[in-house]
mmCIF file of all heavy atoms, coordinates in Angstrom:
data_MODEL
# 
_entry.id   MODEL 
# 
loop_
_atom_site.group_PDB 
_atom_site.id 
_atom_site.type_symbol 
_atom_site.label_atom_id 
_atom_site.label_alt_id 
_atom_site.label_comp_id 
_atom_site.label_asym_id 
_atom_site.label_entity_id 
_atom_site.label_seq_id 
_atom_site.pdbx_PDB_ins_code 
_atom_site.Cartn_x 
_atom_site.Cartn_y 
_atom_site.Cartn_z 
_atom_site.occupancy 
_atom_site.B_iso_or_equiv 
_atom_site.pdbx_formal_charge 
_atom_site.auth_seq_id 
_atom_site.auth_comp_id 
_atom_site.auth_asym_id 
_atom_site.auth_atom_id 
_atom_site.pdbx_PDB_model_num 
ATOM 1   N N   . GLY A 1 1  ? 0.797  -1.218  0.000  1.00 0.00 ? 1  GLY A N   1 
ATOM 2   C CA  . GLY A 1 1  ? 0.000  0.000   0.000  1.00 0.00 ? 1  GLY A CA  1 
ATOM 3   C C   . GLY A 1 1  ? 0.826  1.262   0.000  1.00 0.00 ? 1  GLY A C   1 
ATOM 4   O O   . GLY A 1 1  ? 0.301  2.348   0.266  1.00 0.00 ? 1  GLY A O   1 
ATOM 5   N N   . THR A 1 2  ? 2.111  1.158   -0.325 1.00 0.00 ? 2  THR A N   1 
ATOM 6   C CA  . THR A 1 2  ? 3.026  2.294   -0.231 1.00 0.00 ? 2  THR A CA  1 
ATOM 7   C C   . THR A 1 2  ? 3.886  2.424   -1.487 1.00 0.00 ? 2  THR A C   1 
ATOM 8   O O   . THR A 1 2  ? 3.814  1.604   -2.395 1.00 0.00 ? 2  THR A O   1 
ATOM 9   C CB  . THR A 1 2  ? 3.982  2.130   0.967  1.00 0.00 ? 2  THR A CB  1 
ATOM 10  O OG1 . THR A 1 2  ? 4.993  1.155   0.635  1.00 0.00 ? 2  THR A OG1 1 
ATOM 11  C CG2 . THR A 1 2  ? 3.260  1.691   2.221  1.00 0.00 ? 2  THR A CG2 1 
ATOM 12  N N   . ALA A 1 3  ? 4.728  3.458   -1.484 1.00 0.00 ? 3  ALA A N   1 
ATOM 13  C CA  . ALA A 1 3  ? 5.752  3.632   -2.512 1.00 0.00 ? 3  ALA A CA  1 
ATOM 14  C C   . ALA A 1 3  ? 7.117  3.219   -1.981 1.00 0.00 ? 3  ALA A C   1 
ATOM 15  O O   . ALA A 1 3  ? 8.145  3.518   -2.596 1.00 0.00 ? 3  ALA A O   1 
ATOM 16  C CB  . ALA A 1 3  ? 5.784  5.089   -2.972 1.00 0.00 ? 3  ALA A CB  1 
ATOM 17  N N   . ASP A 1 4  ? 7.132  2.520   -0.852 1.00 0.00 ? 4  ASP A N   1 
ATOM 18  C CA  . ASP A 1 4  ? 8.374  2.133   -0.176 1.00 0.00 ? 4  ASP A CA  1 
ATOM 19  C C   . ASP A 1 4  ? 8.593  0.635   -0.317 1.00 0.00 ? 4  ASP A C   1 
ATOM 20  O O   . ASP A 1 4  ? 7.827  -0.160  0.249  1.00 0.00 ? 4  ASP A O   1 
ATOM 21  C CB  . ASP A 1 4  ? 8.275  2.513   1.304  1.00 0.00 ? 4  ASP A CB  1 
ATOM 22  C CG  . ASP A 1 4  ? 9.507  2.097   2.096  1.00 0.00 ? 4  ASP A CG  1 
ATOM 23  O OD1 . ASP A 1 4  ? 10.507 1.663   1.484  1.00 0.00 ? 4  ASP A OD1 1 
ATOM 24  O OD2 . ASP A 1 4  ? 9.454  2.197   3.338  1.00 0.00 ? 4  ASP A OD2 1 
ATOM 25  N N   . PRO A 1 5  ? 9.609  0.188   -1.063 1.00 0.00 ? 5  PRO A N   1 
ATOM 26  C CA  . PRO A 1 5  ? 9.807  -1.252  -1.235 1.00 0.00 ? 5  PRO A CA  1 
ATOM 27  C C   . PRO A 1 5  ? 10.082 -1.994  0.062  1.00 0.00 ? 5  PRO A C   1 
ATOM 28  O O   . PRO A 1 5  ? 9.737  -3.173  0.189  1.00 0.00 ? 5  PRO A O   1 
ATOM 29  C CB  . PRO A 1 5  ? 10.999 -1.340  -2.200 1.00 0.00 ? 5  PRO A CB  1 
ATOM 30  C CG  . PRO A 1 5  ? 11.672 -0.013  -2.118 1.00 0.00 ? 5  PRO A CG  1 
ATOM 31  C CD  . PRO A 1 5  ? 10.601 0.985   -1.815 1.00 0.00 ? 5  PRO A CD  1 
ATOM 32  N N   . ALA A 1 6  ? 10.675 -1.322  1.047  1.00 0.00 ? 6  ALA A N   1 
ATOM 33  C CA  . ALA A 1 6  ? 10.944 -1.984  2.324  1.00 0.00 ? 6  ALA A CA  1 
ATOM 34  C C   . ALA A 1 6  ? 9.651  -2.404  3.015  1.00 0.00 ? 6  ALA A C   1 
ATOM 35  O O   . ALA A 1 6  ? 9.632  -3.351  3.802  1.00 0.00 ? 6  ALA A O   1 
ATOM 36  C CB  . ALA A 1 6  ? 11.754 -1.066  3.236  1.00 0.00 ? 6  ALA A CB  1 
ATOM 37  N N   . ALA A 1 7  ? 8.549  -1.716  2.725  1.00 0.00 ? 7  ALA A N   1 
ATOM 38  C CA  . ALA A 1 7  ? 7.286  -1.996  3.409  1.00 0.00 ? 7  ALA A CA  1 
ATOM 39  C C   . ALA A 1 7  ? 6.726  -3.360  3.066  1.00 0.00 ? 7  ALA A C   1 
ATOM 40  O O   . ALA A 1 7  ? 5.957  -3.923  3.846  1.00 0.00 ? 7  ALA A O   1 
ATOM 41  C CB  . ALA A 1 7  ? 6.268  -0.905  3.072  1.00 0.00 ? 7  ALA A CB  1 
ATOM 42  N N   . LEU A 1 8  ? 7.086  -3.918  1.906  1.00 0.00 ? 8  LEU A N   1 
ATOM 43  C CA  . LEU A 1 8  ? 6.584  -5.259  1.590  1.00 0.00 ? 8  LEU A CA  1 
ATOM 44  C C   . LEU A 1 8  ? 7.104  -6.283  2.589  1.00 0.00 ? 8  LEU A C   1 
ATOM 45  O O   . LEU A 1 8  ? 6.382  -7.199  2.990  1.00 0.00 ? 8  LEU A O   1 
ATOM 46  C CB  . LEU A 1 8  ? 6.979  -5.669  0.174  1.00 0.00 ? 8  LEU A CB  1 
ATOM 47  C CG  . LEU A 1 8  ? 6.491  -7.075  -0.190 1.00 0.00 ? 8  LEU A CG  1 
ATOM 48  C CD1 . LEU A 1 8  ? 4.972  -7.121  -0.307 1.00 0.00 ? 8  LEU A CD1 1 
ATOM 49  C CD2 . LEU A 1 8  ? 7.138  -7.588  -1.455 1.00 0.00 ? 8  LEU A CD2 1 
ATOM 50  N N   . HIS A 1 9  ? 8.351  -6.139  3.015  1.00 0.00 ? 9  HIS A N   1 
ATOM 51  C CA  . HIS A 1 9  ? 8.905  -7.069  3.997  1.00 0.00 ? 9  HIS A CA  1 
ATOM 52  C C   . HIS A 1 9  ? 8.176  -6.930  5.338  1.00 0.00 ? 9  HIS A C   1 
ATOM 53  O O   . HIS A 1 9  ? 7.946  -7.923  6.030  1.00 0.00 ? 9  HIS A O   1 
ATOM 54  C CB  . HIS A 1 9  ? 10.408 -6.829  4.151  1.00 0.00 ? 9  HIS A CB  1 
ATOM 55  C CG  . HIS A 1 9  ? 11.164 -7.129  2.899  1.00 0.00 ? 9  HIS A CG  1 
ATOM 56  N ND1 . HIS A 1 9  ? 11.654 -8.383  2.605  1.00 0.00 ? 9  HIS A ND1 1 
ATOM 57  C CD2 . HIS A 1 9  ? 11.501 -6.351  1.839  1.00 0.00 ? 9  HIS A CD2 1 
ATOM 58  C CE1 . HIS A 1 9  ? 12.260 -8.360  1.433  1.00 0.00 ? 9  HIS A CE1 1 
ATOM 59  N NE2 . HIS A 1 9  ? 12.183 -7.137  0.955  1.00 0.00 ? 9  HIS A NE2 1 
ATOM 60  N N   . ARG A 1 10 ? 7.795  -5.720  5.683  1.00 0.00 ? 10 ARG A N   1 
ATOM 61  C CA  . ARG A 1 10 ? 6.986  -5.513  6.881  1.00 0.00 ? 10 ARG A CA  1 
ATOM 62  C C   . ARG A 1 10 ? 5.614  -6.172  6.718  1.00 0.00 ? 10 ARG A C   1 
ATOM 63  O O   . ARG A 1 10 ? 5.083  -6.773  7.655  1.00 0.00 ? 10 ARG A O   1 
ATOM 64  C CB  . ARG A 1 10 ? 6.837  -4.014  7.146  1.00 0.00 ? 10 ARG A CB  1 
ATOM 65  C CG  . ARG A 1 10 ? 5.941  -3.653  8.322  1.00 0.00 ? 10 ARG A CG  1 
ATOM 66  C CD  . ARG A 1 10 ? 6.472  -4.174  9.628  1.00 0.00 ? 10 ARG A CD  1 
ATOM 67  N NE  . ARG A 1 10 ? 5.656  -3.740  10.752 1.00 0.00 ? 10 ARG A NE  1 
ATOM 68  C CZ  . ARG A 1 10 ? 5.601  -4.368  11.909 1.00 0.00 ? 10 ARG A CZ  1 
ATOM 69  N NH1 . ARG A 1 10 ? 6.317  -5.472  12.112 1.00 0.00 ? 10 ARG A NH1 1 
ATOM 70  N NH2 . ARG A 1 10 ? 4.849  -3.915  12.885 1.00 0.00 ? 10 ARG A NH2 1 
ATOM 71  N N   . GLU A 1 11 ? 5.044  -6.090  5.503  1.00 0.00 ? 11 GLU A N   1 
ATOM 72  C CA  . GLU A 1 11 ? 3.768  -6.731  5.227  1.00 0.00 ? 11 GLU A CA  1 
ATOM 73  C C   . GLU A 1 11 ? 3.844  -8.236  5.470  1.00 0.00 ? 11 GLU A C   1 
ATOM 74  O O   . GLU A 1 11 ? 2.937  -8.837  6.063  1.00 0.00 ? 11 GLU A O   1 
ATOM 75  C CB  . GLU A 1 11 ? 3.349  -6.455  3.778  1.00 0.00 ? 11 GLU A CB  1 
ATOM 76  C CG  . GLU A 1 11 ? 1.971  -6.968  3.408  1.00 0.00 ? 11 GLU A CG  1 
ATOM 77  C CD  . GLU A 1 11 ? 0.841  -6.123  3.976  1.00 0.00 ? 11 GLU A CD  1 
ATOM 78  O OE1 . GLU A 1 11 ? 1.083  -4.973  4.412  1.00 0.00 ? 11 GLU A OE1 1 
ATOM 79  O OE2 . GLU A 1 11 ? -0.298 -6.622  4.000  1.00 0.00 ? 11 GLU A OE2 1 
ATOM 80  N N   . LEU A 1 12 ? 4.931  -8.860  5.019  1.00 0.00 ? 12 LEU A N   1 
ATOM 81  C CA  . LEU A 1 12 ? 5.088  -10.300 5.225  1.00 0.00 ? 12 LEU A CA  1 
ATOM 82  C C   . LEU A 1 12 ? 5.178  -10.630 6.710  1.00 0.00 ? 12 LEU A C   1 
ATOM 83  O O   . LEU A 1 12 ? 4.592  -11.611 7.181  1.00 0.00 ? 12 LEU A O   1 
ATOM 84  C CB  . LEU A 1 12 ? 6.339  -10.798 4.492  1.00 0.00 ? 12 LEU A CB  1 
ATOM 85  C CG  . LEU A 1 12 ? 6.306  -10.663 2.965  1.00 0.00 ? 12 LEU A CG  1 
ATOM 86  C CD1 . LEU A 1 12 ? 7.602  -11.178 2.365  1.00 0.00 ? 12 LEU A CD1 1 
ATOM 87  C CD2 . LEU A 1 12 ? 5.110  -11.381 2.363  1.00 0.00 ? 12 LEU A CD2 1 
ATOM 88  N N   . GLU A 1 13 ? 5.892  -9.812  7.470  1.00 0.00 ? 13 GLU A N   1 
ATOM 89  C CA  . GLU A 1 13 ? 5.964  -10.022 8.922  1.00 0.00 ? 13 GLU A CA  1 
ATOM 90  C C   . GLU A 1 13 ? 4.576  -9.952  9.562  1.00 0.00 ? 13 GLU A C   1 
ATOM 91  O O   . GLU A 1 13 ? 4.227  -10.781 10.418 1.00 0.00 ? 13 GLU A O   1 
ATOM 92  C CB  . GLU A 1 13 ? 6.839  -8.947  9.571  1.00 0.00 ? 13 GLU A CB  1 
ATOM 93  C CG  . GLU A 1 13 ? 8.320  -9.073  9.301  1.00 0.00 ? 13 GLU A CG  1 
ATOM 94  C CD  . GLU A 1 13 ? 9.063  -7.944  9.993  1.00 0.00 ? 13 GLU A CD  1 
ATOM 95  O OE1 . GLU A 1 13 ? 8.777  -7.692  11.186 1.00 0.00 ? 13 GLU A OE1 1 
ATOM 96  O OE2 . GLU A 1 13 ? 9.921  -7.325  9.345  1.00 0.00 ? 13 GLU A OE2 1 
ATOM 97  N N   . LEU A 1 14 ? 3.783  -8.968  9.144  1.00 0.00 ? 14 LEU A N   1 
ATOM 98  C CA  . LEU A 1 14 ? 2.458  -8.793  9.732  1.00 0.00 ? 14 LEU A CA  1 
ATOM 99  C C   . LEU A 1 14 ? 1.513  -9.922  9.335  1.00 0.00 ? 14 LEU A C   1 
ATOM 100 O O   . LEU A 1 14 ? 0.646  -10.317 10.127 1.00 0.00 ? 14 LEU A O   1 
ATOM 101 C CB  . LEU A 1 14 ? 1.895  -7.435  9.322  1.00 0.00 ? 14 LEU A CB  1 
ATOM 102 C CG  . LEU A 1 14 ? 2.596  -6.238  9.967  1.00 0.00 ? 14 LEU A CG  1 
ATOM 103 C CD1 . LEU A 1 14 ? 2.196  -4.939  9.279  1.00 0.00 ? 14 LEU A CD1 1 
ATOM 104 C CD2 . LEU A 1 14 ? 2.292  -6.162  11.460 1.00 0.00 ? 14 LEU A CD2 1 
ATOM 105 N N   . LEU A 1 15 ? 1.658  -10.450 8.125  1.00 0.00 ? 15 LEU A N   1 
ATOM 106 C CA  . LEU A 1 15 ? 0.854  -11.610 7.737  1.00 0.00 ? 15 LEU A CA  1 
ATOM 107 C C   . LEU A 1 15 ? 1.158  -12.799 8.644  1.00 0.00 ? 15 LEU A C   1 
ATOM 108 O O   . LEU A 1 15 ? 0.252  -13.511 9.084  1.00 0.00 ? 15 LEU A O   1 
ATOM 109 C CB  . LEU A 1 15 ? 1.117  -11.975 6.275  1.00 0.00 ? 15 LEU A CB  1 
ATOM 110 C CG  . LEU A 1 15 ? 0.543  -11.029 5.218  1.00 0.00 ? 15 LEU A CG  1 
ATOM 111 C CD1 . LEU A 1 15 ? 0.985  -11.462 3.828  1.00 0.00 ? 15 LEU A CD1 1 
ATOM 112 C CD2 . LEU A 1 15 ? -0.988 -10.976 5.292  1.00 0.00 ? 15 LEU A CD2 1 
ATOM 113 N N   . VAL A 1 16 ? 2.440  -13.018 8.921  1.00 0.00 ? 16 VAL A N   1 
ATOM 114 C CA  . VAL A 1 16 ? 2.822  -14.123 9.807  1.00 0.00 ? 16 VAL A CA  1 
ATOM 115 C C   . VAL A 1 16 ? 2.310  -13.865 11.221 1.00 0.00 ? 16 VAL A C   1 
ATOM 116 O O   . VAL A 1 16 ? 1.794  -14.770 11.889 1.00 0.00 ? 16 VAL A O   1 
ATOM 117 C CB  . VAL A 1 16 ? 4.353  -14.324 9.781  1.00 0.00 ? 16 VAL A CB  1 
ATOM 118 C CG1 . VAL A 1 16 ? 4.790  -15.301 10.855 1.00 0.00 ? 16 VAL A CG1 1 
ATOM 119 C CG2 . VAL A 1 16 ? 4.787  -14.827 8.400  1.00 0.00 ? 16 VAL A CG2 1 
ATOM 120 N N   . HIS A 1 17 ? 2.435  -12.632 11.664 1.00 0.00 ? 17 HIS A N   1 
ATOM 121 C CA  . HIS A 1 17 ? 1.941  -12.292 13.006 1.00 0.00 ? 17 HIS A CA  1 
ATOM 122 C C   . HIS A 1 17 ? 0.426  -12.530 13.104 1.00 0.00 ? 17 HIS A C   1 
ATOM 123 O O   . HIS A 1 17 ? -0.096 -12.871 14.173 1.00 0.00 ? 17 HIS A O   1 
ATOM 124 C CB  . HIS A 1 17 ? 2.257  -10.825 13.312 1.00 0.00 ? 17 HIS A CB  1 
ATOM 125 C CG  . HIS A 1 17 ? 1.901  -10.406 14.710 1.00 0.00 ? 17 HIS A CG  1 
ATOM 126 N ND1 . HIS A 1 17 ? 2.569  -10.857 15.829 1.00 0.00 ? 17 HIS A ND1 1 
ATOM 127 C CD2 . HIS A 1 17 ? 0.918  -9.586  15.167 1.00 0.00 ? 17 HIS A CD2 1 
ATOM 128 C CE1 . HIS A 1 17 ? 2.034  -10.329 16.911 1.00 0.00 ? 17 HIS A CE1 1 
ATOM 129 N NE2 . HIS A 1 17 ? 1.022  -9.552  16.540 1.00 0.00 ? 17 HIS A NE2 1 
ATOM 130 N N   . ALA A 1 18 ? -0.284 -12.375 11.967 1.00 0.00 ? 18 ALA A N   1 
ATOM 131 C CA  . ALA A 1 18 ? -1.740 -12.544 11.956 1.00 0.00 ? 18 ALA A CA  1 
ATOM 132 C C   . ALA A 1 18 ? -2.166 -13.993 11.741 1.00 0.00 ? 18 ALA A C   1 
ATOM 133 O O   . ALA A 1 18 ? -3.367 -14.269 11.688 1.00 0.00 ? 18 ALA A O   1 
ATOM 134 C CB  . ALA A 1 18 ? -2.353 -11.666 10.878 1.00 0.00 ? 18 ALA A CB  1 
ATOM 135 N N   . GLY A 1 19 ? -1.213 -14.917 11.617 1.00 0.00 ? 19 GLY A N   1 
ATOM 136 C CA  . GLY A 1 19 ? -1.569 -16.329 11.543 1.00 0.00 ? 19 GLY A CA  1 
ATOM 137 C C   . GLY A 1 19 ? -1.071 -17.103 10.344 1.00 0.00 ? 19 GLY A C   1 
ATOM 138 O O   . GLY A 1 19 ? -1.202 -18.321 10.291 1.00 0.00 ? 19 GLY A O   1 
ATOM 139 N N   . PHE A 1 20 ? -0.512 -16.420 9.344  1.00 0.00 ? 20 PHE A N   1 
ATOM 140 C CA  . PHE A 1 20 ? 0.094  -17.128 8.220  1.00 0.00 ? 20 PHE A CA  1 
ATOM 141 C C   . PHE A 1 20 ? 1.337  -17.869 8.680  1.00 0.00 ? 20 PHE A C   1 
ATOM 142 O O   . PHE A 1 20 ? 2.044  -17.415 9.584  1.00 0.00 ? 20 PHE A O   1 
ATOM 143 C CB  . PHE A 1 20 ? 0.527  -16.133 7.138  1.00 0.00 ? 20 PHE A CB  1 
ATOM 144 C CG  . PHE A 1 20 ? -0.540 -15.762 6.148  1.00 0.00 ? 20 PHE A CG  1 
ATOM 145 C CD1 . PHE A 1 20 ? -1.766 -15.268 6.570  1.00 0.00 ? 20 PHE A CD1 1 
ATOM 146 C CD2 . PHE A 1 20 ? -0.317 -15.890 4.796  1.00 0.00 ? 20 PHE A CD2 1 
ATOM 147 C CE1 . PHE A 1 20 ? -2.745 -14.908 5.663  1.00 0.00 ? 20 PHE A CE1 1 
ATOM 148 C CE2 . PHE A 1 20 ? -1.286 -15.537 3.870  1.00 0.00 ? 20 PHE A CE2 1 
ATOM 149 C CZ  . PHE A 1 20 ? -2.493 -15.052 4.303  1.00 0.00 ? 20 PHE A CZ  1 
ATOM 150 N N   . THR A 1 21 ? 1.628  -18.999 8.057  1.00 0.00 ? 21 THR A N   1 
ATOM 151 C CA  . THR A 1 21 ? 2.957  -19.573 8.215  1.00 0.00 ? 21 THR A CA  1 
ATOM 152 C C   . THR A 1 21 ? 3.896  -18.792 7.297  1.00 0.00 ? 21 THR A C   1 
ATOM 153 O O   . THR A 1 21 ? 3.460  -18.174 6.315  1.00 0.00 ? 21 THR A O   1 
ATOM 154 C CB  . THR A 1 21 ? 2.987  -21.057 7.806  1.00 0.00 ? 21 THR A CB  1 
ATOM 155 O OG1 . THR A 1 21 ? 2.755  -21.154 6.387  1.00 0.00 ? 21 THR A OG1 1 
ATOM 156 C CG2 . THR A 1 21 ? 1.946  -21.855 8.558  1.00 0.00 ? 21 THR A CG2 1 
ATOM 157 N N   . PRO A 1 22 ? 5.211  -18.807 7.572  1.00 0.00 ? 22 PRO A N   1 
ATOM 158 C CA  . PRO A 1 22 ? 6.126  -18.139 6.645  1.00 0.00 ? 22 PRO A CA  1 
ATOM 159 C C   . PRO A 1 22 ? 6.018  -18.667 5.216  1.00 0.00 ? 22 PRO A C   1 
ATOM 160 O O   . PRO A 1 22 ? 6.131  -17.899 4.255  1.00 0.00 ? 22 PRO A O   1 
ATOM 161 C CB  . PRO A 1 22 ? 7.503  -18.423 7.254  1.00 0.00 ? 22 PRO A CB  1 
ATOM 162 C CG  . PRO A 1 22 ? 7.235  -18.554 8.721  1.00 0.00 ? 22 PRO A CG  1 
ATOM 163 C CD  . PRO A 1 22 ? 5.909  -19.251 8.797  1.00 0.00 ? 22 PRO A CD  1 
ATOM 164 N N   . LEU A 1 23 ? 5.762  -19.970 5.065  1.00 0.00 ? 23 LEU A N   1 
ATOM 165 C CA  . LEU A 1 23 ? 5.613  -20.540 3.728  1.00 0.00 ? 23 LEU A CA  1 
ATOM 166 C C   . LEU A 1 23 ? 4.403  -19.935 3.018  1.00 0.00 ? 23 LEU A C   1 
ATOM 167 O O   . LEU A 1 23 ? 4.455  -19.630 1.818  1.00 0.00 ? 23 LEU A O   1 
ATOM 168 C CB  . LEU A 1 23 ? 5.465  -22.060 3.832  1.00 0.00 ? 23 LEU A CB  1 
ATOM 169 C CG  . LEU A 1 23 ? 5.608  -22.865 2.536  1.00 0.00 ? 23 LEU A CG  1 
ATOM 170 C CD1 . LEU A 1 23 ? 7.003  -22.722 1.953  1.00 0.00 ? 23 LEU A CD1 1 
ATOM 171 C CD2 . LEU A 1 23 ? 5.302  -24.348 2.798  1.00 0.00 ? 23 LEU A CD2 1 
ATOM 172 N N   . GLN A 1 24 ? 3.314  -19.737 3.739  1.00 0.00 ? 24 GLN A N   1 
ATOM 173 C CA  . GLN A 1 24 ? 2.123  -19.121 3.155  1.00 0.00 ? 24 GLN A CA  1 
ATOM 174 C C   . GLN A 1 24 ? 2.375  -17.656 2.805  1.00 0.00 ? 24 GLN A C   1 
ATOM 175 O O   . GLN A 1 24 ? 1.872  -17.151 1.791  1.00 0.00 ? 24 GLN A O   1 
ATOM 176 C CB  . GLN A 1 24 ? 0.948  -19.240 4.118  1.00 0.00 ? 24 GLN A CB  1 
ATOM 177 C CG  . GLN A 1 24 ? 0.432  -20.655 4.283  1.00 0.00 ? 24 GLN A CG  1 
ATOM 178 C CD  . GLN A 1 24 ? -0.532 -20.807 5.453  1.00 0.00 ? 24 GLN A CD  1 
ATOM 179 O OE1 . GLN A 1 24 ? -0.528 -20.005 6.398  1.00 0.00 ? 24 GLN A OE1 1 
ATOM 180 N NE2 . GLN A 1 24 ? -1.368 -21.838 5.407  1.00 0.00 ? 24 GLN A NE2 1 
ATOM 181 N N   . ALA A 1 25 ? 3.139  -16.967 3.641  1.00 0.00 ? 25 ALA A N   1 
ATOM 182 C CA  . ALA A 1 25 ? 3.449  -15.565 3.365  1.00 0.00 ? 25 ALA A CA  1 
ATOM 183 C C   . ALA A 1 25 ? 4.294  -15.438 2.100  1.00 0.00 ? 25 ALA A C   1 
ATOM 184 O O   . ALA A 1 25 ? 4.052  -14.554 1.271  1.00 0.00 ? 25 ALA A O   1 
ATOM 185 C CB  . ALA A 1 25 ? 4.170  -14.942 4.558  1.00 0.00 ? 25 ALA A CB  1 
ATOM 186 N N   . VAL A 1 26 ? 5.286  -16.327 1.940  1.00 0.00 ? 26 VAL A N   1 
ATOM 187 C CA  . VAL A 1 26 ? 6.099  -16.303 0.719  1.00 0.00 ? 26 VAL A CA  1 
ATOM 188 C C   . VAL A 1 26 ? 5.218  -16.558 -0.500 1.00 0.00 ? 26 VAL A C   1 
ATOM 189 O O   . VAL A 1 26 ? 5.349  -15.889 -1.533 1.00 0.00 ? 26 VAL A O   1 
ATOM 190 C CB  . VAL A 1 26 ? 7.247  -17.330 0.809  1.00 0.00 ? 26 VAL A CB  1 
ATOM 191 C CG1 . VAL A 1 26 ? 7.940  -17.497 -0.539 1.00 0.00 ? 26 VAL A CG1 1 
ATOM 192 C CG2 . VAL A 1 26 ? 8.263  -16.906 1.867  1.00 0.00 ? 26 VAL A CG2 1 
ATOM 193 N N   . ARG A 1 27 ? 4.308  -17.515 -0.395 1.00 0.00 ? 27 ARG A N   1 
ATOM 194 C CA  . ARG A 1 27 ? 3.406  -17.803 -1.519 1.00 0.00 ? 27 ARG A CA  1 
ATOM 195 C C   . ARG A 1 27 ? 2.559  -16.589 -1.876 1.00 0.00 ? 27 ARG A C   1 
ATOM 196 O O   . ARG A 1 27 ? 2.320  -16.300 -3.056 1.00 0.00 ? 27 ARG A O   1 
ATOM 197 C CB  . ARG A 1 27 ? 2.494  -18.991 -1.176 1.00 0.00 ? 27 ARG A CB  1 
ATOM 198 C CG  . ARG A 1 27 ? 1.556  -19.398 -2.309 1.00 0.00 ? 27 ARG A CG  1 
ATOM 199 C CD  . ARG A 1 27 ? 0.592  -20.500 -1.882 1.00 0.00 ? 27 ARG A CD  1 
ATOM 200 N NE  . ARG A 1 27 ? -0.289 -20.889 -2.977 1.00 0.00 ? 27 ARG A NE  1 
ATOM 201 C CZ  . ARG A 1 27 ? -1.404 -20.249 -3.310 1.00 0.00 ? 27 ARG A CZ  1 
ATOM 202 N NH1 . ARG A 1 27 ? -1.768 -19.180 -2.608 1.00 0.00 ? 27 ARG A NH1 1 
ATOM 203 N NH2 . ARG A 1 27 ? -2.141 -20.666 -4.326 1.00 0.00 ? 27 ARG A NH2 1 
# 
C-alpha cells in the first residue's frame, strides 16, 4: 500500500503475526 519497497517485507511479517505460516506468506 506504499511507494516504499521496504514496506513489503513488513507486510510479510504482519501476515505471519496474523496467523500465516512463513511458507504461506512467501506464496
